[in-house]
Amino acid sequence: MSIKRVAGRYAKSLIGLSIERNELETVLSDMKSLIQMTANRDLDNMIKSPIIGIDKKRAVFKELFDTRFSELSGKFINLVLTKGREPILTAIAKEFIEQYNEFKGITQVQVTSATPLNEASLKNITDKLLQSNLGLKNIELKTKVDSNIIGGIIIQIGDKLIDDSVAYKLKILGKNFDGKEYIKAI
């Protein structure tokens, strides 16, 4: 079974329990923190290491997470450790966030620009997307700066890509440009 599928099942269980206990927002915050913490390479390697025993991992998790996380999140992490699924803990947290967004009707939109966008530009993009025929209701914008696109923006919504960058337009122009026709016009 794929990691995404297993992580999805664990996340679904945690979502259901979080809703039942009215702790959805708290657990969401815990899962976001978990993702940030496991971005640390040493911690991630420790979690995924088959050499480090479950007792040592449990002690590290207790030290790191007990005071920071809710009781529900702590018990869930302990369950994941008990089941030997700690190598996919970050994947479970990411799946939780995806399922949370789906539950709340939030669409994540990645906006890439050549330079940082100001608040007015971001609001304008959000308004245009909400008015579009894409059927979006709640949008969570994530921004990224990539000077290689030269100018314009690239918007990614799930598997849809809207590339309005200068680099893309130059690439298309280069493909369509036939030097022979240009010479004939002169």
Protein backbone atom coordinates (compact mmCIF):
# COMPACT_ATOMS: atom_id res chain seq x y z
CA MET A 1 0.00 0.00 0.00
CA SER A 2 1.34 3.45 -0.88
CA ILE A 3 2.54 5.86 1.78
CA LYS A 4 0.00 8.48 0.68
CA ARG A 5 -2.84 6.02 1.07
CA VAL A 6 -1.75 4.84 4.52
CA ALA A 7 -1.12 8.42 5.63
CA GLY A 8 -4.55 9.37 4.29
CA ARG A 9 -6.23 6.71 6.42
CA TYR A 10 -4.47 7.85 9.58
CA ALA A 11 -5.26 11.48 8.78
CA LYS A 12 -8.92 10.65 8.16
CA SER A 13 -9.16 8.99 11.56
CA LEU A 14 -7.53 11.99 13.23
CA ILE A 15 -9.86 14.42 11.42
CA GLY A 16 -12.90 12.44 12.53
CA LEU A 17 -11.74 12.31 16.14
CA SER A 18 -10.81 16.01 16.09
CA ILE A 19 -14.27 16.96 14.84
CA GLU A 20 -15.95 14.68 17.36
CA ARG A 21 -13.99 16.25 20.22
CA ASN A 22 -14.34 19.78 18.83
CA GLU A 23 -10.54 20.17 18.62
CA LEU A 24 -10.13 20.48 14.85
CA GLU A 25 -8.38 23.86 14.86
CA THR A 26 -6.07 22.85 17.72
CA VAL A 27 -5.01 19.64 15.99
CA LEU A 28 -4.53 21.55 12.72
CA SER A 29 -2.12 23.87 14.52
CA ASP A 30 -0.31 20.85 15.99
CA MET A 31 0.04 19.20 12.57
CA LYS A 32 1.43 22.40 11.06
CA SER A 33 3.94 22.61 13.92
CA LEU A 34 4.87 18.96 13.42
CA ILE A 35 5.63 19.61 9.75
CA GLN A 36 7.79 22.59 10.65
CA MET A 37 9.65 20.64 13.31
CA THR A 38 10.30 17.62 11.09
CA ALA A 39 11.79 19.94 8.50
CA ASN A 40 14.82 19.71 10.78
CA ARG A 41 16.96 17.08 9.06
CA ASP A 42 18.27 15.54 12.28
CA LEU A 43 14.79 15.06 13.71
CA ASP A 44 13.50 13.69 10.41
CA ASN A 45 16.40 11.22 10.21
CA MET A 46 15.80 10.12 13.81
CA ILE A 47 12.11 9.52 13.10
CA LYS A 48 12.83 7.47 9.99
CA SER A 49 15.77 5.53 11.42
CA PRO A 50 15.15 1.80 11.82
CA ILE A 51 18.18 1.62 14.14
CA ILE A 52 16.78 3.88 16.84
CA GLY A 53 14.41 1.96 19.07
CA ILE A 54 10.80 2.85 19.75
CA ASP A 55 11.54 3.70 23.40
CA LYS A 56 14.15 6.31 22.44
CA LYS A 57 11.84 7.77 19.81
CA ARG A 58 8.99 7.89 22.31
CA ALA A 59 11.25 9.72 24.81
CA VAL A 60 12.27 12.27 22.17
CA PHE A 61 8.65 12.80 21.13
CA LYS A 62 7.58 13.17 24.75
CA GLU A 63 10.27 15.81 25.31
CA LEU A 64 9.50 17.72 22.11
CA PHE A 65 5.74 17.47 21.81
CA ASP A 66 4.10 16.85 25.20
CA THR A 67 4.08 20.47 26.31
CA ARG A 68 3.47 21.93 22.84
CA PHE A 69 0.71 19.70 21.51
CA SER A 70 -2.81 18.99 22.64
CA GLU A 71 -3.57 15.78 24.47
CA LEU A 72 -5.32 14.37 21.39
CA SER A 73 -2.34 15.08 19.11
CA GLY A 74 0.05 13.61 21.67
CA LYS A 75 -1.97 10.41 21.98
CA PHE A 76 -2.25 10.17 18.21
CA ILE A 77 1.51 10.50 17.76
CA ASN A 78 1.99 7.84 20.44
CA LEU A 79 -0.38 5.54 18.53
CA VAL A 80 1.58 6.12 15.32
CA LEU A 81 4.78 5.21 17.18
CA THR A 82 3.19 2.09 18.66
CA LYS A 83 2.07 0.95 15.21
CA GLY A 84 5.57 1.50 13.82
CA ARG A 85 4.37 4.14 11.36
CA GLU A 86 6.62 6.98 12.57
CA PRO A 87 8.50 7.16 9.24
CA ILE A 88 5.30 8.47 7.63
CA LEU A 89 4.37 10.87 10.44
CA THR A 90 5.11 13.95 8.33
CA ALA A 91 3.08 12.51 5.46
CA ILE A 92 0.18 11.94 7.87
CA ALA A 93 0.38 15.57 9.03
CA LYS A 94 0.39 16.80 5.42
CA GLU A 95 -2.58 14.58 4.58
CA PHE A 96 -4.38 15.92 7.65
CA ILE A 97 -3.96 19.47 6.35
CA GLU A 98 -5.18 18.46 2.89
CA GLN A 99 -8.24 16.77 4.34
CA TYR A 100 -8.86 19.73 6.64
CA ASN A 101 -8.80 22.07 3.64
CA GLU A 102 -11.19 19.80 1.77
CA PHE A 103 -13.51 19.62 4.79
CA LYS A 104 -13.51 23.42 5.15
CA GLY A 105 -13.74 24.02 1.38
CA ILE A 106 -10.38 25.78 1.25
CA THR A 107 -8.47 25.74 -2.02
CA GLN A 108 -4.74 26.26 -1.84
CA VAL A 109 -3.40 28.43 -4.63
CA GLN A 110 0.33 28.79 -5.33
CA VAL A 111 1.23 32.16 -6.86
CA THR A 112 4.74 32.50 -8.27
CA SER A 113 6.06 35.91 -9.25
CA ALA A 114 9.41 37.38 -10.23
CA THR A 115 9.34 39.81 -7.30
CA PRO A 116 7.42 39.79 -4.00
CA LEU A 117 3.78 40.83 -4.40
CA ASN A 118 2.24 43.48 -2.17
CA GLU A 119 -1.04 43.01 -0.28
CA ALA A 120 -3.07 44.92 -2.89
CA SER A 121 -1.84 42.65 -5.68
CA LEU A 122 -2.57 39.53 -3.64
CA LYS A 123 -6.07 40.79 -2.85
CA ASN A 124 -6.61 41.54 -6.54
CA ILE A 125 -5.53 38.01 -7.49
CA THR A 126 -7.80 36.51 -4.82
CA ASP A 127 -10.77 38.60 -5.99
CA LYS A 128 -10.22 37.64 -9.64
CA LEU A 129 -10.01 33.95 -8.73
CA LEU A 130 -13.19 34.14 -6.64
CA GLN A 131 -15.01 35.84 -9.54
CA SER A 132 -13.72 33.32 -12.09
CA ASN A 133 -15.71 30.33 -13.26
CA LEU A 134 -13.42 27.96 -11.35
CA GLY A 135 -15.95 27.59 -8.52
CA LEU A 136 -13.59 28.63 -5.74
CA LYS A 137 -15.09 29.76 -2.43
CA ASN A 138 -12.26 29.96 0.10
CA ILE A 139 -8.73 30.58 -1.11
CA GLU A 140 -5.49 30.21 0.77
CA LEU A 141 -2.72 31.91 -1.18
CA LYS A 142 0.85 30.74 -0.92
CA THR A 143 3.40 32.95 -2.59
CA LYS A 144 6.75 32.09 -4.08
CA VAL A 145 9.36 34.32 -5.70
CA ASP A 146 11.24 33.00 -8.74
CA SER A 147 13.26 35.58 -10.68
CA ASN A 148 13.63 33.11 -13.57
CA ILE A 149 10.08 33.86 -14.73
CA ILE A 150 11.28 37.42 -15.54
CA GLY A 151 7.86 39.00 -14.97
CA GLY A 152 4.16 38.18 -14.75
CA ILE A 153 2.80 35.42 -12.55
CA ILE A 154 2.19 31.69 -12.49
CA ILE A 155 -0.90 30.45 -10.64
CA GLN A 156 -1.27 26.81 -9.68
CA ILE A 157 -4.59 25.50 -8.37
CA GLY A 158 -4.31 21.78 -7.73
CA ASP A 159 -3.41 20.28 -11.08
CA LYS A 160 -4.39 23.42 -13.04
CA LEU A 161 -1.62 25.79 -14.11
CA ILE A 162 -2.11 29.33 -15.37
CA ASP A 163 1.23 30.51 -16.71
CA ASP A 164 1.19 34.21 -17.52
CA SER A 165 4.92 34.69 -17.05
CA VAL A 166 7.19 36.58 -19.41
CA ALA A 167 9.53 33.57 -19.58
CA TYR A 168 6.68 31.34 -20.81
CA LYS A 169 5.56 33.92 -23.37
CA LEU A 170 9.13 34.25 -24.68
CA LYS A 171 9.39 30.49 -24.92
CA ILE A 172 6.16 30.29 -26.97
CA LEU A 173 7.29 33.19 -29.13
CA GLY A 174 10.61 31.43 -29.75
CA LYS A 175 8.83 28.23 -30.80
CA ASN A 176 6.48 30.09 -33.14
CA PHE A 177 9.15 32.33 -34.64
CA ASP A 178 10.34 31.17 -38.05
CA GLY A 179 13.30 33.18 -39.27
CA LYS A 180 12.43 32.55 -42.92
CA GLU A 181 9.09 34.35 -42.67
CA TYR A 182 10.79 37.26 -40.94
CA ILE A 183 13.33 37.56 -43.78
CA LYS A 184 10.53 37.44 -46.39
CA ALA A 185 8.74 40.32 -44.67
CA ILE A 186 11.83 42.51 -45.01
